[in-house]
Amino acid sequence: MLASSLLLISTTATAAIESAITINSEWGYSTEVSRTEKLETTVQPEIEIDLSHNIKLTAIGRVRSDAKKHINTASSTTRELREFYIETSIGRSFFTLGKQQIVWGKADGLKVLDVVNPQSWREFILDDFDNSRIPLWAINSEIPIADLTLQLLWLPDQTYHEYVENDDHYTFTSPLLVPQPPPGVNVSMQAAQRPNRTIQDADWGARLSTFWNGWDLTLNYLYHYDDRPVLFRQLSMTPNGPLATITPRYQRSHLFGGSFSNSFGDLTLRGEVGYATDRYISTHLITDIDGVVKTDDLSYVIGLDWFGFSDTFISTQLFQSHLNNHQPGMLRDERDTTTTVLLRRDFNNETLTIELLWLHNLDLDDGLARPKLIYQTNDNTTLWLGADIFYGDQQGLFGQFKERDRIVSAIEIAF
């Protein structure tokens, strides 16, 4: 069974206004419980208006409805103004003002620098980043300085990661992410303490980019609230026994990083590195006064992309994260290493594509495989069929979803 998908694109007669409507329906089938996991329809209208010769307004909405409600049990339909921004220029400088996505990193599957926008974890990491990334209200400026481009960001938007409810399909259960209370200890979860001052709690950042001797280079800095709340713990004794009171609070962090890429014939070398300060990792130790350990986190990814065979793309990546203040009892190991492989092959003049994305954690021996078959019947119609296959111990990041394997299919029609 394939889902129906309809992409309608209409352009008005005047060049000042362009509009489009995307109607997409996706079907997912759970192989573990033999039932339809989702039957989801998404309507995404988009309009672009040229207000003047150098001012353009873009508005993108999204209405998403799931007939099955297995992914998100709380709501079957969501409506949102996804993006709404104005693009303009002053001299050689460009400005984007409004609700937008700001993309720094371009790694496959996992993120190092792409942390400016928070993320929806509604379907773990199975959704495309363009769809799972949560747009923020921001001022985004790009200023040329000789051979450099300086990007300055100001984000007065206190929106953070969107997590699923406890009984949703992709609820986190791994002890690496969810601290488990000791036997006999009751837990009281408090409401999250969120920053609420528009100016004082705004995030801001800068990126310096250049092209030098064949290398695309960037230096990145972001002063922000980590989108993951810290689960501070307080232990007390009550008439009913020991009680652990958990209070989620968002904490500031500095991110220093950079990226590089260069091509050598058919081979492209690329990478990202990020050093995040003031990270807090939960600990099992009862003797720890607040249940967390403060540490810095050095993360990086190195990728190789190869185009040596005709109509073939091969990419491999190494992700690694290192905590500089690892203590006994912390939920995370001192080092975490994940590898990825992406294989893609085109046939029949690029009308048929077969691809496989494989992510594997070397420390926990768990992972995710995502085979996909894409067929473009004509310029307007594309069909695809894929699968999401988890494996490994249920204690792991991927293994926690080993009973969530599924088949996914869709049809996309553009006219």
Protein backbone atom coordinates (compact mmCIF):
# COMPACT_ATOMS: atom_id res chain seq x y z
CA MET A 1 0.00 0.00 0.00
CA LEU A 2 1.35 3.40 -0.99
CA ALA A 3 0.33 6.77 0.36
CA SER A 4 -1.00 9.41 -1.99
CA SER A 5 0.85 12.67 -2.26
CA LEU A 6 -0.01 15.74 -4.28
CA LEU A 7 2.26 18.69 -4.93
CA LEU A 8 0.52 21.68 -6.45
CA ILE A 9 2.62 24.62 -7.58
CA SER A 10 0.99 27.69 -9.04
CA THR A 11 2.67 30.90 -10.07
CA THR A 12 0.66 34.05 -10.52
CA ALA A 13 0.76 36.04 -13.72
CA THR A 14 2.61 38.90 -12.07
CA ALA A 15 6.28 38.48 -11.24
CA ALA A 16 5.72 40.28 -7.91
CA ILE A 17 3.92 37.34 -6.28
CA GLU A 18 4.69 33.64 -6.41
CA SER A 19 2.68 31.05 -4.52
CA ALA A 20 2.75 27.30 -4.02
CA ILE A 21 0.80 24.68 -2.11
CA THR A 22 2.26 21.31 -1.20
CA ILE A 23 -0.11 18.52 -0.21
CA ASN A 24 1.74 15.44 0.93
CA SER A 25 0.46 12.19 2.40
CA GLU A 26 2.73 9.54 3.89
CA TRP A 27 2.00 6.00 4.98
CA GLY A 28 4.06 4.10 7.54
CA TYR A 29 3.58 0.44 8.49
CA SER A 30 5.02 -1.01 11.72
CA THR A 31 6.52 -4.43 11.05
CA GLU A 32 6.74 -5.29 14.77
CA VAL A 33 3.02 -4.99 15.56
CA SER A 34 1.73 -5.41 11.97
CA ARG A 35 -0.34 -2.24 11.82
CA THR A 36 -0.39 1.13 10.10
CA GLU A 37 1.79 3.43 12.19
CA LYS A 38 0.81 6.65 10.47
CA LEU A 39 -1.37 7.89 7.64
CA GLU A 40 -0.33 11.50 7.57
CA THR A 41 -1.35 14.36 5.31
CA THR A 42 0.60 17.61 5.29
CA VAL A 43 -0.55 20.82 3.61
CA GLN A 44 2.15 23.46 3.25
CA PRO A 45 1.22 26.74 1.53
CA GLU A 46 3.99 29.14 0.57
CA ILE A 47 3.91 32.65 -0.81
CA GLU A 48 6.69 35.03 -1.90
CA ILE A 49 5.96 38.72 -2.48
CA ASP A 50 8.43 41.18 -3.98
CA LEU A 51 7.59 44.30 -1.98
CA SER A 52 10.21 46.34 -3.84
CA HIS A 53 13.32 45.84 -5.95
CA ASN A 54 15.30 44.62 -2.90
CA ILE A 55 12.66 43.56 -0.35
CA LYS A 56 10.98 40.15 -0.50
CA LEU A 57 8.47 38.66 1.94
CA THR A 58 8.21 34.88 2.37
CA ALA A 59 5.49 33.10 4.34
CA ILE A 60 5.24 29.32 4.80
CA GLY A 61 2.48 27.58 6.72
CA ARG A 62 1.95 23.94 7.61
CA VAL A 63 -1.11 21.89 8.54
CA ARG A 64 -0.37 18.28 9.43
CA SER A 65 -2.98 15.62 10.19
CA ASP A 66 -2.42 11.98 11.10
CA ALA A 67 -5.47 9.74 10.81
CA LYS A 68 -3.93 7.05 13.05
CA LYS A 69 -2.56 9.15 15.98
CA HIS A 70 0.06 6.52 16.86
CA ILE A 71 3.03 8.88 16.41
CA ASN A 72 1.57 11.66 18.55
CA THR A 73 -1.29 10.55 20.78
CA ALA A 74 -1.98 14.04 22.12
CA SER A 75 -3.10 15.62 18.84
CA SER A 76 -4.01 14.35 15.40
CA THR A 77 -3.83 17.78 13.71
CA THR A 78 -1.35 20.64 14.10
CA ARG A 79 -1.37 24.07 12.45
CA GLU A 80 1.52 26.51 12.43
CA LEU A 81 3.03 29.51 10.71
CA ARG A 82 6.25 27.72 9.90
CA GLU A 83 8.31 30.56 8.43
CA PHE A 84 7.63 34.27 7.97
CA TYR A 85 10.51 36.54 7.06
CA ILE A 86 11.62 39.54 5.01
CA GLU A 87 14.82 39.52 2.94
CA THR A 88 16.48 42.80 2.05
CA SER A 89 19.87 44.34 1.35
CA ILE A 90 21.72 47.50 2.30
CA GLY A 91 24.71 48.06 0.10
CA ARG A 92 26.54 44.73 -0.12
CA SER A 93 25.02 43.40 3.11
CA PHE A 94 22.02 41.06 3.25
CA PHE A 95 19.45 40.82 6.03
CA THR A 96 16.76 38.26 6.83
CA LEU A 97 14.28 39.32 9.52
CA GLY A 98 11.55 37.08 10.89
CA LYS A 99 10.79 33.45 11.62
CA GLN A 100 13.36 31.34 9.79
CA GLN A 101 15.69 28.34 9.69
CA ILE A 102 19.41 29.03 10.06
CA VAL A 103 21.58 26.12 8.95
CA TRP A 104 25.23 25.95 9.97
CA GLY A 105 26.18 22.28 9.76
CA LYS A 106 25.53 19.91 6.87
CA ALA A 107 26.41 16.50 8.28
CA ASP A 108 24.21 13.49 7.44
CA GLY A 109 22.08 11.94 10.17
CA LEU A 110 23.57 13.67 13.23
CA LYS A 111 24.52 17.24 14.16
CA VAL A 112 27.59 19.10 15.39
CA LEU A 113 27.16 22.77 14.40
CA ASP A 114 23.54 22.69 13.22
CA VAL A 115 22.20 23.70 16.64
CA VAL A 116 20.97 27.27 16.04
CA ASN A 117 17.38 26.06 15.62
CA PRO A 118 15.84 23.55 18.02
CA GLN A 119 14.47 20.26 16.74
CA SER A 120 11.24 18.31 16.96
CA TRP A 121 11.85 14.76 18.21
CA ARG A 122 8.38 13.67 17.15
CA GLU A 123 9.87 10.88 15.01
CA PHE A 124 13.31 10.69 16.63
CA ILE A 125 15.77 11.54 13.77
CA LEU A 126 13.68 9.90 11.03
CA ASP A 127 12.21 13.13 9.67
CA ASP A 128 14.23 15.30 7.29
CA PHE A 129 16.10 18.07 9.12
CA ASP A 130 14.22 20.68 7.05
CA ASN A 131 10.98 19.33 8.50
CA SER A 132 12.11 18.59 12.06
CA ARG A 133 14.06 21.83 12.51
CA ILE A 134 11.93 24.39 14.43
CA PRO A 135 12.13 27.89 12.87
CA LEU A 136 12.88 30.80 15.22
CA TRP A 137 12.22 34.53 15.14
CA ALA A 138 15.60 36.08 14.40
CA ILE A 139 17.62 38.81 12.75
CA ASN A 140 20.14 37.24 10.38
CA SER A 141 22.68 39.52 8.70
CA GLU A 142 25.48 38.68 6.25
CA ILE A 143 28.14 41.36 5.83
CA PRO A 144 31.00 41.09 3.28
CA ILE A 145 34.42 42.12 4.63
CA ALA A 146 37.10 41.86 1.94
CA ASP A 147 37.32 38.12 1.14
CA LEU A 148 35.32 37.20 4.24
CA THR A 149 31.61 37.09 5.02
CA LEU A 150 30.51 37.87 8.57
CA GLN A 151 27.16 36.46 9.64
CA LEU A 152 25.60 37.96 12.77
CA LEU A 153 22.59 36.39 14.50
CA TRP A 154 20.22 37.65 17.16
CA LEU A 155 17.44 35.29 18.27
CA PRO A 156 14.97 36.68 20.85
CA ASP A 157 12.89 33.48 20.69
CA GLN A 158 12.68 31.18 23.73
CA THR A 159 11.60 28.08 21.81
CA TYR A 160 13.45 24.86 22.55
CA HIS A 161 13.45 21.17 21.57
CA GLU A 162 10.00 19.67 21.14
CA TYR A 163 9.77 16.31 22.91
CA VAL A 164 7.03 13.72 22.64
CA GLU A 165 4.65 12.69 25.41
CA ASN A 166 5.44 9.70 27.61
CA ASP A 167 3.08 7.36 25.75
CA ASP A 168 3.96 8.46 22.21
CA HIS A 169 5.54 6.13 19.66
CA TYR A 170 9.07 7.58 19.86
CA THR A 171 9.25 8.37 23.57
CA PHE A 172 12.82 8.21 24.87
CA THR A 173 13.39 5.21 27.17
CA SER A 174 17.17 4.76 27.05
CA PRO A 175 18.85 5.38 30.43
CA LEU A 176 21.40 7.42 28.48
CA LEU A 177 18.68 10.04 28.03
CA VAL A 178 16.22 9.35 30.84
CA PRO A 179 17.67 8.94 34.37
CA GLN A 180 16.30 5.87 36.15
CA PRO A 181 15.51 6.29 39.89
CA PRO A 182 17.03 3.82 42.35
CA PRO A 183 14.70 1.04 43.58
CA GLY A 184 12.30 2.28 46.23
CA VAL A 185 12.72 5.98 45.38
CA ASN A 186 9.61 7.89 44.31
CA VAL A 187 9.92 10.60 41.64
CA SER A 188 8.21 13.99 41.46
CA MET A 189 8.66 15.73 38.09
CA GLN A 190 8.29 19.51 38.28
CA ALA A 191 7.37 21.86 35.46
CA ALA A 192 10.32 23.01 33.37
CA GLN A 193 11.79 26.39 34.30
CA ARG A 194 12.08 28.18 30.97
CA PRO A 195 13.77 31.52 30.24
CA ASN A 196 11.09 34.13 29.57
CA ARG A 197 12.87 37.47 29.13
CA THR A 198 12.82 38.43 25.47
CA ILE A 199 15.94 40.61 25.47
CA GLN A 200 18.07 39.27 28.33
CA ASP A 201 17.48 35.62 27.39
CA ALA A 202 18.00 36.04 23.64
CA ASP A 203 20.58 33.89 21.86
CA TRP A 204 23.19 35.43 19.59
CA GLY A 205 25.97 34.18 17.41
CA ALA A 206 28.46 34.91 14.65
CA ARG A 207 30.02 33.01 11.77
CA LEU A 208 33.01 34.05 9.69
CA SER A 209 33.30 32.27 6.34
CA THR A 210 35.76 32.42 3.47
CA PHE A 211 37.14 30.52 0.48
CA TRP A 212 40.92 30.06 0.63
CA ASN A 213 43.11 27.96 -1.69
CA GLY A 214 40.25 25.63 -2.54
CA TRP A 215 38.99 25.36 1.04
CA ASP A 216 35.56 26.48 2.26
CA LEU A 217 36.24 27.54 5.86
CA THR A 218 34.09 28.86 8.69
CA LEU A 219 34.58 29.93 12.29
CA ASN A 220 31.41 29.74 14.40
CA TYR A 221 30.33 31.07 17.79
CA LEU A 222 26.94 30.77 19.47
CA TYR A 223 25.91 31.99 22.93
CA HIS A 224 22.66 30.22 23.60
CA TYR A 225 20.47 28.28 25.95
CA ASP A 226 21.02 24.56 25.37
CA ASP A 227 17.79 23.25 23.84
CA ARG A 228 17.91 20.25 26.19
CA PRO A 229 16.75 21.00 29.74
CA VAL A 230 19.04 19.93 32.59
CA LEU A 231 17.30 17.52 34.98
CA PHE A 232 18.36 18.84 38.37
CA ARG A 233 17.59 16.39 41.20
CA GLN A 234 16.87 16.96 44.88
CA LEU A 235 16.56 14.04 47.31
CA SER A 236 14.40 14.20 50.42
CA MET A 237 12.79 11.86 52.94
CA THR A 238 8.99 11.78 53.20
CA PRO A 239 6.55 9.65 55.23
CA ASN A 240 6.16 7.51 52.09
CA GLY A 241 9.90 6.97 51.73
CA PRO A 242 12.70 8.68 49.80
CA LEU A 243 11.63 11.17 47.12
CA ALA A 244 13.59 12.48 44.13
CA THR A 245 12.29 15.85 42.94
CA ILE A 246 13.32 16.52 39.33
CA THR A 247 13.31 20.14 38.11
CA PRO A 248 14.16 20.67 34.41
CA ARG A 249 15.99 23.96 33.83
CA TYR A 250 17.55 25.43 30.69
CA GLN A 251 21.20 26.50 31.00
CA ARG A 252 23.43 28.84 29.00
CA SER A 253 26.26 27.46 26.87
CA HIS A 254 29.02 28.82 24.64
CA LEU A 255 29.61 26.98 21.37
CA PHE A 256 32.96 27.55 19.63
CA GLY A 257 33.46 25.75 16.35
CA GLY A 258 34.33 25.70 12.70
CA SER A 259 33.98 23.76 9.48
CA PHE A 260 36.05 22.95 6.41
CA SER A 261 35.62 21.29 3.01
CA ASN A 262 37.68 20.81 -0.13
CA SER A 263 37.49 18.69 -3.27
CA PHE A 264 40.36 16.61 -4.63
CA GLY A 265 39.21 15.23 -7.97
CA ASP A 266 36.33 12.85 -7.27
CA LEU A 267 36.88 13.04 -3.50
CA THR A 268 35.54 15.69 -1.11
CA LEU A 269 36.91 16.04 2.41
CA ARG A 270 34.75 17.90 4.91
CA GLY A 271 34.42 18.30 8.62
CA GLU A 272 32.95 20.20 11.55
CA VAL A 273 34.13 20.71 15.11
CA GLY A 274 32.27 22.20 18.06
CA TYR A 275 33.34 22.87 21.65
CA ALA A 276 30.34 23.39 23.96
CA THR A 277 30.83 24.72 27.48
CA ASP A 278 28.65 24.20 30.54
CA ARG A 279 27.00 20.94 29.59
CA TYR A 280 25.26 19.03 32.38
CA ILE A 281 25.10 15.22 32.36
CA SER A 282 22.87 13.31 34.79
CA THR A 283 24.50 10.89 37.23
CA HIS A 284 23.31 7.78 39.07
CA LEU A 285 25.22 8.64 42.24
CA ILE A 286 22.91 9.32 45.19
CA THR A 287 25.71 11.25 46.88
CA ASP A 288 25.70 13.90 44.13
CA ILE A 289 23.88 16.90 45.55
CA ASP A 290 21.96 17.93 42.41
CA GLY A 291 22.13 14.77 40.28
CA VAL A 292 24.18 16.30 37.44
CA VAL A 293 27.85 16.83 36.58
CA LYS A 294 29.01 19.98 34.80
CA THR A 295 31.39 19.40 31.89
CA ASP A 296 32.48 20.71 28.52
CA ASP A 297 31.86 18.68 25.36
CA LEU A 298 34.14 18.49 22.32
CA SER A 299 32.35 17.09 19.24
CA TYR A 300 33.50 16.67 15.67
CA VAL A 301 32.61 14.97 12.41
CA ILE A 302 34.92 14.10 9.52
CA GLY A 303 33.34 13.08 6.22
CA LEU A 304 34.53 11.74 2.87
CA ASP A 305 32.34 11.99 -0.24
CA TRP A 306 33.34 10.10 -3.39
CA PHE A 307 31.95 10.46 -6.92
CA GLY A 308 34.45 8.11 -8.62
CA PHE A 309 31.90 5.81 -10.25
CA SER A 310 29.41 7.08 -12.81
CA ASP A 311 25.98 7.84 -11.29
CA THR A 312 27.24 6.73 -7.88
CA PHE A 313 27.72 8.62 -4.61
CA ILE A 314 29.51 7.13 -1.59
CA SER A 315 29.84 9.02 1.69
CA THR A 316 31.18 8.01 5.07
CA GLN A 317 31.39 10.00 8.31
CA LEU A 318 32.93 9.65 11.75
CA PHE A 319 31.18 11.45 14.61
CA GLN A 320 32.83 11.64 18.01
CA SER A 321 32.02 13.44 21.24
CA HIS A 322 34.34 13.73 24.26
CA LEU A 323 33.48 14.95 27.78
CA ASN A 324 36.41 16.67 29.50
CA ASN A 325 35.12 16.17 33.06
CA HIS A 326 33.79 12.64 33.07
CA GLN A 327 32.92 11.27 36.51
CA PRO A 328 31.89 7.79 37.70
CA GLY A 329 28.12 7.34 37.61
CA MET A 330 27.46 9.69 34.69
CA LEU A 331 24.84 8.45 32.23
CA ARG A 332 27.15 9.06 29.28
CA ASP A 333 30.54 7.52 28.65
CA GLU A 334 33.53 9.81 28.36
CA ARG A 335 33.66 9.19 24.61
CA ASP A 336 30.83 8.48 22.17
CA THR A 337 31.56 7.41 18.59
CA THR A 338 29.16 6.94 15.68
CA THR A 339 29.93 6.13 12.05
CA THR A 340 27.67 6.63 9.04
CA VAL A 341 27.69 5.33 5.48
CA LEU A 342 25.54 6.72 2.67
CA LEU A 343 25.37 4.82 -0.64
CA ARG A 344 23.42 6.20 -3.60
CA ARG A 345 23.17 4.88 -7.17
CA ASP A 346 21.19 6.38 -10.06
CA PHE A 347 19.82 4.36 -12.98
CA ASN A 348 17.90 5.08 -16.20
CA ASN A 349 19.11 8.66 -16.65
CA GLU A 350 18.61 9.44 -12.95
CA THR A 351 14.95 8.41 -12.94
CA LEU A 352 15.59 5.49 -10.57
CA THR A 353 17.64 5.92 -7.38
CA ILE A 354 18.60 3.35 -4.78
CA GLU A 355 20.16 4.56 -1.54
CA LEU A 356 21.11 3.33 1.91
CA LEU A 357 21.92 5.42 4.99
CA TRP A 358 23.47 3.44 7.83
CA LEU A 359 24.31 4.85 11.27
CA HIS A 360 26.21 2.69 13.78
CA ASN A 361 27.37 3.53 17.31
CA LEU A 362 30.74 1.87 17.95
CA ASP A 363 30.52 2.09 21.74
CA LEU A 364 27.02 0.65 22.22
CA ASP A 365 26.94 -1.53 19.08
CA ASP A 366 23.50 -0.28 18.06
CA GLY A 367 22.34 1.57 14.98
CA LEU A 368 19.84 2.42 12.28
CA ALA A 369 19.65 1.34 8.62
CA ARG A 370 17.47 3.28 6.14
CA PRO A 371 17.22 1.72 2.65
CA LYS A 372 15.18 3.71 0.10
CA LEU A 373 14.03 3.27 -3.50
CA ILE A 374 13.05 6.42 -5.43
CA TYR A 375 11.45 6.37 -8.89
CA GLN A 376 10.75 9.52 -10.88
CA THR A 377 8.14 8.50 -13.44
CA ASN A 378 8.25 11.92 -15.16
CA ASP A 379 9.23 15.49 -14.38
CA ASN A 380 6.21 15.86 -12.12
CA THR A 381 5.78 12.52 -10.38
CA THR A 382 8.05 10.73 -7.91
CA LEU A 383 7.36 7.53 -6.00
CA TRP A 384 9.46 6.21 -3.14
CA LEU A 385 9.51 3.24 -0.82
CA GLY A 386 11.77 2.89 2.20
CA ALA A 387 12.32 1.26 5.57
CA ASP A 388 13.66 2.28 9.00
CA ILE A 389 15.41 -0.61 10.74
CA PHE A 390 16.75 -0.24 14.30
CA TYR A 391 19.02 -2.75 16.01
CA GLY A 392 21.08 -3.18 19.17
CA ASP A 393 20.61 -3.16 22.93
CA GLN A 394 17.58 -1.25 24.18
CA GLN A 395 19.86 0.73 26.48
CA GLY A 396 21.31 2.52 23.44
CA LEU A 397 20.26 5.64 21.56
CA PHE A 398 19.15 3.62 18.52
CA GLY A 399 18.47 0.30 20.23
CA GLN A 400 15.72 1.82 22.39
CA PHE A 401 13.59 1.81 19.23
CA LYS A 402 14.44 -1.72 18.05
CA GLU A 403 10.70 -2.53 18.21
CA ARG A 404 9.84 0.48 16.03
CA ASP A 405 10.95 -0.89 12.63
CA ARG A 406 8.70 0.31 9.83
CA ILE A 407 8.08 0.49 6.10
CA VAL A 408 7.34 3.94 4.69
CA SER A 409 6.04 4.91 1.25
CA ALA A 410 4.82 7.99 -0.59
CA ILE A 411 3.92 9.48 -3.95
CA GLU A 412 4.81 13.05 -4.86
CA ILE A 413 3.18 14.85 -7.78
CA ALA A 414 4.23 18.36 -8.81
CA PHE A 415 2.40 20.53 -11.34
